[in-house]
Amino acid sequence: MTEGRMRFTVRELEGAFPTNAKIRGPRPIQGDVMQAIADGALIIEAPTGTGKTALEFTVAERARQKAAAGESVFVIFPTKALVEQACREHPDMVGVLGQNDHICPWALSEFTDDESKLVTDVDLPILYDTDTPRVSDIPHDMHRECPHYVDQETGRTAVAGVAACPYYQQTHEAKRSGRVIACTMSFYIFAKLFNEERYGKVAALIIDEAHRFADVIRY
């Protein structure tokens, strides 16, 4: 046990376990995993079909409940597909995707300074299927000059009335939602290395398929 580490009882974890019309409670093997976590296990190896994602959400949700104001809780996955699947299965998690997954509204309007020609919320959805550059294609020092940039504290765009940059909008909403944040390993590494202030202190980090983390860093 490390000093300052969050600790959970089995009762606390059972209270955070996601239930619905089909799932009334944890299966016996999931109960065994909860006991192992309560006993201090930091790494869990379990076979396919165990319900690991539900257990990851359980730990994350209980950590969120115990976290201090302004702290974030992350569950990170090796791929975007797993992030999207986890969010479908557990709607109380909010997913965030990388800059390469979001189009750049400013690029759509050819980086114009004419406010009347900037992309609006009405324009943005129908343009997602175009070959428009992604946010990752734009030099980073231009981001805060963009009229679509979303202030991470206020949630306002730099120019009123234009479409919010979908990348910066999602990061603002994820931080302000108070919900568990799901993202890819590569997104988390980038966020912590270059944008640590955006998500503040991380109260808890749950890593899905932790054995793949080294490969993500390597590649």
C-alpha atoms as a PDB file:
ATOM      1  CA  MET A   1       0.000   0.000   0.000  1.00  0.00           C
ATOM      2  CA  THR A   2       1.433   3.377  -0.968  1.00  0.00           C
ATOM      3  CA  GLU A   3       0.970   6.391   1.271  1.00  0.00           C
ATOM      4  CA  GLY A   4      -2.034   8.471   0.224  1.00  0.00           C
ATOM      5  CA  ARG A   5      -3.420   5.742  -2.017  1.00  0.00           C
ATOM      6  CA  MET A   6      -7.204   5.427  -2.171  1.00  0.00           C
ATOM      7  CA  ARG A   7      -8.544   2.411  -0.336  1.00  0.00           C
ATOM      8  CA  PHE A   8     -11.897   0.742  -0.890  1.00  0.00           C
ATOM      9  CA  THR A   9     -13.966  -1.699   1.086  1.00  0.00           C
ATOM     10  CA  VAL A  10     -15.937  -4.465  -0.607  1.00  0.00           C
ATOM     11  CA  ARG A  11     -19.149  -2.740   0.510  1.00  0.00           C
ATOM     12  CA  GLU A  12     -18.055   0.523  -1.151  1.00  0.00           C
ATOM     13  CA  LEU A  13     -17.268  -1.262  -4.394  1.00  0.00           C
ATOM     14  CA  GLU A  14     -20.525  -3.184  -4.377  1.00  0.00           C
ATOM     15  CA  GLY A  15     -22.365   0.108  -3.941  1.00  0.00           C
ATOM     16  CA  ALA A  16     -20.684   1.540  -7.059  1.00  0.00           C
ATOM     17  CA  PHE A  17     -21.173  -1.562  -9.226  1.00  0.00           C
ATOM     18  CA  PRO A  18     -23.274  -0.744 -12.325  1.00  0.00           C
ATOM     19  CA  THR A  19     -26.648  -2.479 -12.245  1.00  0.00           C
ATOM     20  CA  ASN A  20     -29.558  -2.378 -14.684  1.00  0.00           C
ATOM     21  CA  ALA A  21     -32.582  -4.427 -15.709  1.00  0.00           C
ATOM     22  CA  LYS A  22     -30.333  -7.337 -16.748  1.00  0.00           C
ATOM     23  CA  ILE A  23     -27.531  -7.046 -14.186  1.00  0.00           C
ATOM     24  CA  ARG A  24     -28.699  -7.204 -10.584  1.00  0.00           C
ATOM     25  CA  GLY A  25     -25.277  -7.329  -9.025  1.00  0.00           C
ATOM     26  CA  PRO A  26     -21.719  -8.633  -9.385  1.00  0.00           C
ATOM     27  CA  ARG A  27     -21.154 -12.250 -10.332  1.00  0.00           C
ATOM     28  CA  PRO A  28     -19.165 -14.429  -7.915  1.00  0.00           C
ATOM     29  CA  ILE A  29     -15.903 -13.961  -9.851  1.00  0.00           C
ATOM     30  CA  GLN A  30     -16.447 -10.205  -9.859  1.00  0.00           C
ATOM     31  CA  GLY A  31     -17.022 -10.364  -6.129  1.00  0.00           C
ATOM     32  CA  ASP A  32     -13.695 -12.177  -5.781  1.00  0.00           C
ATOM     33  CA  VAL A  33     -11.965  -9.394  -7.732  1.00  0.00           C
ATOM     34  CA  MET A  34     -13.562  -6.749  -5.510  1.00  0.00           C
ATOM     35  CA  GLN A  35     -12.259  -8.584  -2.468  1.00  0.00           C
ATOM     36  CA  ALA A  36      -8.779  -8.676  -3.999  1.00  0.00           C
ATOM     37  CA  ILE A  37      -8.924  -4.918  -4.634  1.00  0.00           C
ATOM     38  CA  ALA A  38     -10.097  -4.300  -1.085  1.00  0.00           C
ATOM     39  CA  ASP A  39      -7.177  -6.430   0.111  1.00  0.00           C
ATOM     40  CA  GLY A  40      -4.744  -4.186  -1.747  1.00  0.00           C
ATOM     41  CA  ALA A  41      -4.320  -5.694  -5.223  1.00  0.00           C
ATOM     42  CA  LEU A  42      -3.092  -3.164  -7.780  1.00  0.00           C
ATOM     43  CA  ILE A  43      -2.978  -5.467 -10.825  1.00  0.00           C
ATOM     44  CA  ILE A  44      -5.789  -7.867 -11.700  1.00  0.00           C
ATOM     45  CA  GLU A  45      -5.426 -10.619 -14.309  1.00  0.00           C
ATOM     46  CA  ALA A  46      -8.714 -12.211 -15.256  1.00  0.00           C
ATOM     47  CA  PRO A  47      -9.976 -14.262 -18.215  1.00  0.00           C
ATOM     48  CA  THR A  48     -12.128 -12.965 -21.076  1.00  0.00           C
ATOM     49  CA  GLY A  49     -15.784 -12.715 -20.088  1.00  0.00           C
ATOM     50  CA  THR A  50     -15.066 -11.884 -16.462  1.00  0.00           C
ATOM     51  CA  GLY A  51     -16.685  -8.460 -16.763  1.00  0.00           C
ATOM     52  CA  LYS A  52     -13.495  -6.476 -16.341  1.00  0.00           C
ATOM     53  CA  THR A  53     -14.918  -3.269 -17.835  1.00  0.00           C
ATOM     54  CA  ALA A  54     -17.730  -3.243 -15.275  1.00  0.00           C
ATOM     55  CA  LEU A  55     -15.145  -3.717 -12.526  1.00  0.00           C
ATOM     56  CA  GLU A  56     -12.984  -0.924 -13.942  1.00  0.00           C
ATOM     57  CA  PHE A  57     -16.002   1.365 -13.947  1.00  0.00           C
ATOM     58  CA  THR A  58     -16.828   0.284 -10.392  1.00  0.00           C
ATOM     59  CA  VAL A  59     -13.403   1.270  -9.068  1.00  0.00           C
ATOM     60  CA  ALA A  60     -13.415   4.488 -11.099  1.00  0.00           C
ATOM     61  CA  GLU A  61     -16.872   5.513  -9.938  1.00  0.00           C
ATOM     62  CA  ARG A  62     -16.063   4.894  -6.297  1.00  0.00           C
ATOM     63  CA  ALA A  63     -12.821   6.843  -6.723  1.00  0.00           C
ATOM     64  CA  ARG A  64     -14.789   9.698  -8.289  1.00  0.00           C
ATOM     65  CA  GLN A  65     -17.093   9.751  -5.272  1.00  0.00           C
ATOM     66  CA  LYS A  66     -14.106   9.972  -2.944  1.00  0.00           C
ATOM     67  CA  ALA A  67     -12.086  12.444  -5.015  1.00  0.00           C
ATOM     68  CA  ALA A  68     -11.589  16.032  -3.900  1.00  0.00           C
ATOM     69  CA  ALA A  69     -13.099  18.934  -5.836  1.00  0.00           C
ATOM     70  CA  GLY A  70     -11.244  19.573  -9.095  1.00  0.00           C
ATOM     71  CA  GLU A  71      -9.679  16.110  -9.249  1.00  0.00           C
ATOM     72  CA  SER A  72     -10.239  13.816 -12.238  1.00  0.00           C
ATOM     73  CA  VAL A  73     -10.616  10.055 -12.530  1.00  0.00           C
ATOM     74  CA  PHE A  74      -9.501   8.296 -15.732  1.00  0.00           C
ATOM     75  CA  VAL A  75     -10.064   4.858 -17.221  1.00  0.00           C
ATOM     76  CA  ILE A  76      -7.707   4.426 -20.169  1.00  0.00           C
ATOM     77  CA  PHE A  77      -7.856   1.882 -22.985  1.00  0.00           C
ATOM     78  CA  PRO A  78      -5.410   0.840 -25.733  1.00  0.00           C
ATOM     79  CA  THR A  79      -7.779   1.725 -28.605  1.00  0.00           C
ATOM     80  CA  LYS A  80     -10.478   4.220 -29.544  1.00  0.00           C
ATOM     81  CA  ALA A  81     -12.913   1.353 -30.249  1.00  0.00           C
ATOM     82  CA  LEU A  82     -12.613   0.147 -26.648  1.00  0.00           C
ATOM     83  CA  VAL A  83     -13.222   3.683 -25.359  1.00  0.00           C
ATOM     84  CA  GLU A  84     -16.408   3.946 -27.412  1.00  0.00           C
ATOM     85  CA  GLN A  85     -17.552   0.477 -26.320  1.00  0.00           C
ATOM     86  CA  ALA A  86     -16.976   1.259 -22.644  1.00  0.00           C
ATOM     87  CA  CYS A  87     -18.967   4.497 -22.913  1.00  0.00           C
ATOM     88  CA  ARG A  88     -21.858   2.679 -24.608  1.00  0.00           C
ATOM     89  CA  GLU A  89     -21.919   0.069 -21.858  1.00  0.00           C
ATOM     90  CA  HIS A  90     -21.499   2.632 -19.073  1.00  0.00           C
ATOM     91  CA  PRO A  91     -23.137   5.958 -20.014  1.00  0.00           C
ATOM     92  CA  ASP A  92     -21.958   7.501 -16.746  1.00  0.00           C
ATOM     93  CA  MET A  93     -18.469   7.592 -18.270  1.00  0.00           C
ATOM     94  CA  VAL A  94     -17.638  10.438 -20.638  1.00  0.00           C
ATOM     95  CA  GLY A  95     -15.268   9.672 -23.509  1.00  0.00           C
ATOM     96  CA  VAL A  96     -12.685  12.037 -24.932  1.00  0.00           C
ATOM     97  CA  LEU A  97     -10.922  11.483 -28.246  1.00  0.00           C
ATOM     98  CA  GLY A  98      -7.682  12.843 -29.673  1.00  0.00           C
ATOM     99  CA  GLN A  99      -7.115  15.840 -31.937  1.00  0.00           C
ATOM    100  CA  ASN A 100      -6.929  13.611 -35.021  1.00  0.00           C
ATOM    101  CA  ASP A 101     -10.559  12.548 -34.415  1.00  0.00           C
ATOM    102  CA  HIS A 102     -11.963  16.088 -34.703  1.00  0.00           C
ATOM    103  CA  ILE A 103     -12.211  18.390 -37.713  1.00  0.00           C
ATOM    104  CA  CYS A 104     -10.884  21.936 -37.481  1.00  0.00           C
ATOM    105  CA  PRO A 105     -13.726  24.477 -37.993  1.00  0.00           C
ATOM    106  CA  TRP A 106     -11.237  27.263 -38.719  1.00  0.00           C
ATOM    107  CA  ALA A 107      -9.689  25.219 -41.535  1.00  0.00           C
ATOM    108  CA  LEU A 108     -13.205  24.771 -42.978  1.00  0.00           C
ATOM    109  CA  SER A 109     -13.447  28.552 -43.373  1.00  0.00           C
ATOM    110  CA  GLU A 110      -9.860  28.772 -44.685  1.00  0.00           C
ATOM    111  CA  PHE A 111      -8.611  30.556 -41.567  1.00  0.00           C
ATOM    112  CA  THR A 112     -10.578  33.698 -42.391  1.00  0.00           C
ATOM    113  CA  ASP A 113     -10.740  36.706 -40.061  1.00  0.00           C
ATOM    114  CA  ASP A 114     -14.184  37.609 -41.398  1.00  0.00           C
ATOM    115  CA  GLU A 115     -16.596  36.659 -38.610  1.00  0.00           C
ATOM    116  CA  SER A 116     -19.519  36.470 -41.046  1.00  0.00           C
ATOM    117  CA  LYS A 117     -17.809  33.605 -42.899  1.00  0.00           C
ATOM    118  CA  LEU A 118     -16.885  31.503 -39.881  1.00  0.00           C
ATOM    119  CA  VAL A 119     -18.443  28.073 -39.403  1.00  0.00           C
ATOM    120  CA  THR A 120     -21.518  27.985 -37.164  1.00  0.00           C
ATOM    121  CA  ASP A 121     -23.111  25.156 -35.167  1.00  0.00           C
ATOM    122  CA  VAL A 122     -25.547  24.624 -38.049  1.00  0.00           C
ATOM    123  CA  ASP A 123     -22.699  24.092 -40.525  1.00  0.00           C
ATOM    124  CA  LEU A 124     -20.467  21.847 -38.443  1.00  0.00           C
ATOM    125  CA  PRO A 125     -22.333  18.481 -38.371  1.00  0.00           C
ATOM    126  CA  ILE A 126     -22.726  18.209 -42.148  1.00  0.00           C
ATOM    127  CA  LEU A 127     -19.034  18.887 -42.716  1.00  0.00           C
ATOM    128  CA  TYR A 128     -17.646  16.044 -40.617  1.00  0.00           C
ATOM    129  CA  ASP A 129     -17.462  13.633 -43.540  1.00  0.00           C
ATOM    130  CA  THR A 130     -15.259  15.926 -45.633  1.00  0.00           C
ATOM    131  CA  ASP A 131     -11.493  15.762 -46.028  1.00  0.00           C
ATOM    132  CA  THR A 132     -11.126  18.851 -43.846  1.00  0.00           C
ATOM    133  CA  PRO A 133      -7.917  18.942 -41.781  1.00  0.00           C
ATOM    134  CA  ARG A 134      -8.159  17.629 -38.253  1.00  0.00           C
ATOM    135  CA  VAL A 135      -7.189  19.645 -35.193  1.00  0.00           C
ATOM    136  CA  SER A 136      -3.953  17.621 -35.071  1.00  0.00           C
ATOM    137  CA  ASP A 137      -3.009  19.004 -38.506  1.00  0.00           C
ATOM    138  CA  ILE A 138      -2.968  22.600 -37.257  1.00  0.00           C
ATOM    139  CA  PRO A 139       0.216  23.989 -35.631  1.00  0.00           C
ATOM    140  CA  HIS A 140      -0.390  24.032 -31.912  1.00  0.00           C
ATOM    141  CA  ASP A 141       0.642  27.657 -31.477  1.00  0.00           C
ATOM    142  CA  MET A 142      -2.341  28.618 -33.672  1.00  0.00           C
ATOM    143  CA  HIS A 143      -4.919  26.961 -31.443  1.00  0.00           C
ATOM    144  CA  ARG A 144      -5.468  29.792 -29.001  1.00  0.00           C
ATOM    145  CA  GLU A 145      -5.628  32.274 -31.882  1.00  0.00           C
ATOM    146  CA  CYS A 146      -8.522  30.322 -33.386  1.00  0.00           C
ATOM    147  CA  PRO A 147     -11.947  32.025 -33.165  1.00  0.00           C
ATOM    148  CA  HIS A 148     -13.463  28.613 -32.401  1.00  0.00           C
ATOM    149  CA  TYR A 149     -11.173  27.915 -29.443  1.00  0.00           C
ATOM    150  CA  VAL A 150     -13.114  27.047 -26.289  1.00  0.00           C
ATOM    151  CA  ASP A 151     -11.907  28.661 -23.083  1.00  0.00           C
ATOM    152  CA  GLN A 152     -11.393  25.742 -20.713  1.00  0.00           C
ATOM    153  CA  GLU A 153     -12.663  27.690 -17.711  1.00  0.00           C
ATOM    154  CA  THR A 154     -15.692  29.503 -19.132  1.00  0.00           C
ATOM    155  CA  GLY A 155     -16.650  27.239 -22.049  1.00  0.00           C
ATOM    156  CA  ARG A 156     -17.003  30.268 -24.341  1.00  0.00           C
ATOM    157  CA  THR A 157     -15.606  30.450 -27.857  1.00  0.00           C
ATOM    158  CA  ALA A 158     -13.075  33.171 -28.646  1.00  0.00           C
ATOM    159  CA  VAL A 159     -15.622  34.694 -31.048  1.00  0.00           C
ATOM    160  CA  ALA A 160     -19.240  34.611 -29.915  1.00  0.00           C
ATOM    161  CA  GLY A 161     -21.740  32.760 -32.083  1.00  0.00           C
ATOM    162  CA  VAL A 162     -19.351  30.515 -33.986  1.00  0.00           C
ATOM    163  CA  ALA A 163     -19.131  26.743 -33.737  1.00  0.00           C
ATOM    164  CA  ALA A 164     -17.074  25.523 -30.805  1.00  0.00           C
ATOM    165  CA  CYS A 165     -13.969  23.550 -31.700  1.00  0.00           C
ATOM    166  CA  PRO A 166     -15.189  19.979 -31.084  1.00  0.00           C
ATOM    167  CA  TYR A 167     -11.866  18.914 -29.594  1.00  0.00           C
ATOM    168  CA  TYR A 168     -11.639  21.697 -27.031  1.00  0.00           C
ATOM    169  CA  GLN A 169     -15.385  21.530 -26.392  1.00  0.00           C
ATOM    170  CA  GLN A 170     -15.170  17.863 -25.387  1.00  0.00           C
ATOM    171  CA  THR A 171     -12.219  18.450 -23.072  1.00  0.00           C
ATOM    172  CA  HIS A 172     -14.040  21.319 -21.361  1.00  0.00           C
ATOM    173  CA  GLU A 173     -17.219  19.281 -20.939  1.00  0.00           C
ATOM    174  CA  ALA A 174     -15.347  16.215 -19.704  1.00  0.00           C
ATOM    175  CA  LYS A 175     -13.542  18.187 -17.005  1.00  0.00           C
ATOM    176  CA  ARG A 176     -16.666  20.061 -15.915  1.00  0.00           C
ATOM    177  CA  SER A 177     -18.968  17.034 -15.996  1.00  0.00           C
ATOM    178  CA  GLY A 178     -17.609  15.560 -12.787  1.00  0.00           C
ATOM    179  CA  ARG A 179     -17.907  12.138 -14.435  1.00  0.00           C
ATOM    180  CA  VAL A 180     -15.340   9.394 -14.944  1.00  0.00           C
ATOM    181  CA  ILE A 181     -13.284  10.164 -18.071  1.00  0.00           C
ATOM    182  CA  ALA A 182     -12.559   7.401 -20.596  1.00  0.00           C
ATOM    183  CA  CYS A 183      -9.818   7.872 -23.203  1.00  0.00           C
ATOM    184  CA  THR A 184      -7.071   6.039 -25.039  1.00  0.00           C
ATOM    185  CA  MET A 185      -3.680   5.457 -23.476  1.00  0.00           C
ATOM    186  CA  SER A 186      -2.040   7.713 -26.061  1.00  0.00           C
ATOM    187  CA  PHE A 187      -4.500  10.546 -25.335  1.00  0.00           C
ATOM    188  CA  TYR A 188      -3.829  10.257 -21.610  1.00  0.00           C
ATOM    189  CA  ILE A 189      -0.064  10.322 -22.100  1.00  0.00           C
ATOM    190  CA  PHE A 190      -0.373  13.415 -24.306  1.00  0.00           C
ATOM    191  CA  ALA A 191      -2.768  15.147 -21.896  1.00  0.00           C
ATOM    192  CA  LYS A 192      -0.528  14.570 -18.889  1.00  0.00           C
ATOM    193  CA  LEU A 193       2.696  15.525 -20.648  1.00  0.00           C
ATOM    194  CA  PHE A 194       1.484  18.654 -22.441  1.00  0.00           C
ATOM    195  CA  ASN A 195      -1.838  19.736 -20.924  1.00  0.00           C
ATOM    196  CA  GLU A 196      -1.653  18.691 -17.292  1.00  0.00           C
ATOM    197  CA  GLU A 197      -3.386  21.835 -16.052  1.00  0.00           C
ATOM    198  CA  ARG A 198      -6.464  21.049 -18.158  1.00  0.00           C
ATOM    199  CA  TYR A 199      -7.502  18.052 -16.062  1.00  0.00           C
ATOM    200  CA  GLY A 200      -5.880  19.029 -12.774  1.00  0.00           C
ATOM    201  CA  LYS A 201      -4.784  16.405 -10.304  1.00  0.00           C
ATOM    202  CA  VAL A 202      -5.656  12.820 -11.162  1.00  0.00           C
ATOM    203  CA  ALA A 203      -7.310  11.180  -8.182  1.00  0.00           C
ATOM    204  CA  ALA A 204      -7.273   7.695  -9.732  1.00  0.00           C
ATOM    205  CA  LEU A 205      -6.074   6.025 -12.922  1.00  0.00           C
ATOM    206  CA  ILE A 206      -7.431   2.659 -14.054  1.00  0.00           C
ATOM    207  CA  ILE A 207      -5.585   1.029 -16.978  1.00  0.00           C
ATOM    208  CA  ASP A 208      -7.385  -1.502 -19.155  1.00  0.00           C
ATOM    209  CA  GLU A 209      -5.113  -4.149 -20.740  1.00  0.00           C
ATOM    210  CA  ALA A 210      -2.137  -2.713 -18.875  1.00  0.00           C
ATOM    211  CA  HIS A 211       0.228  -5.143 -20.620  1.00  0.00           C
ATOM    212  CA  ARG A 212      -0.215  -3.081 -23.825  1.00  0.00           C
ATOM    213  CA  PHE A 213       0.827   0.219 -22.217  1.00  0.00           C
ATOM    214  CA  ALA A 214       4.521  -0.169 -23.082  1.00  0.00           C
ATOM    215  CA  ASP A 215       3.721  -0.752 -26.758  1.00  0.00           C
ATOM    216  CA  VAL A 216       1.579   2.405 -26.851  1.00  0.00           C
ATOM    217  CA  ILE A 217       4.469   4.440 -25.441  1.00  0.00           C
ATOM    218  CA  ARG A 218       6.937   2.794 -27.812  1.00  0.00           C
ATOM    219  CA  TYR A 219       4.869   3.472 -30.954  1.00  0.00           C
END
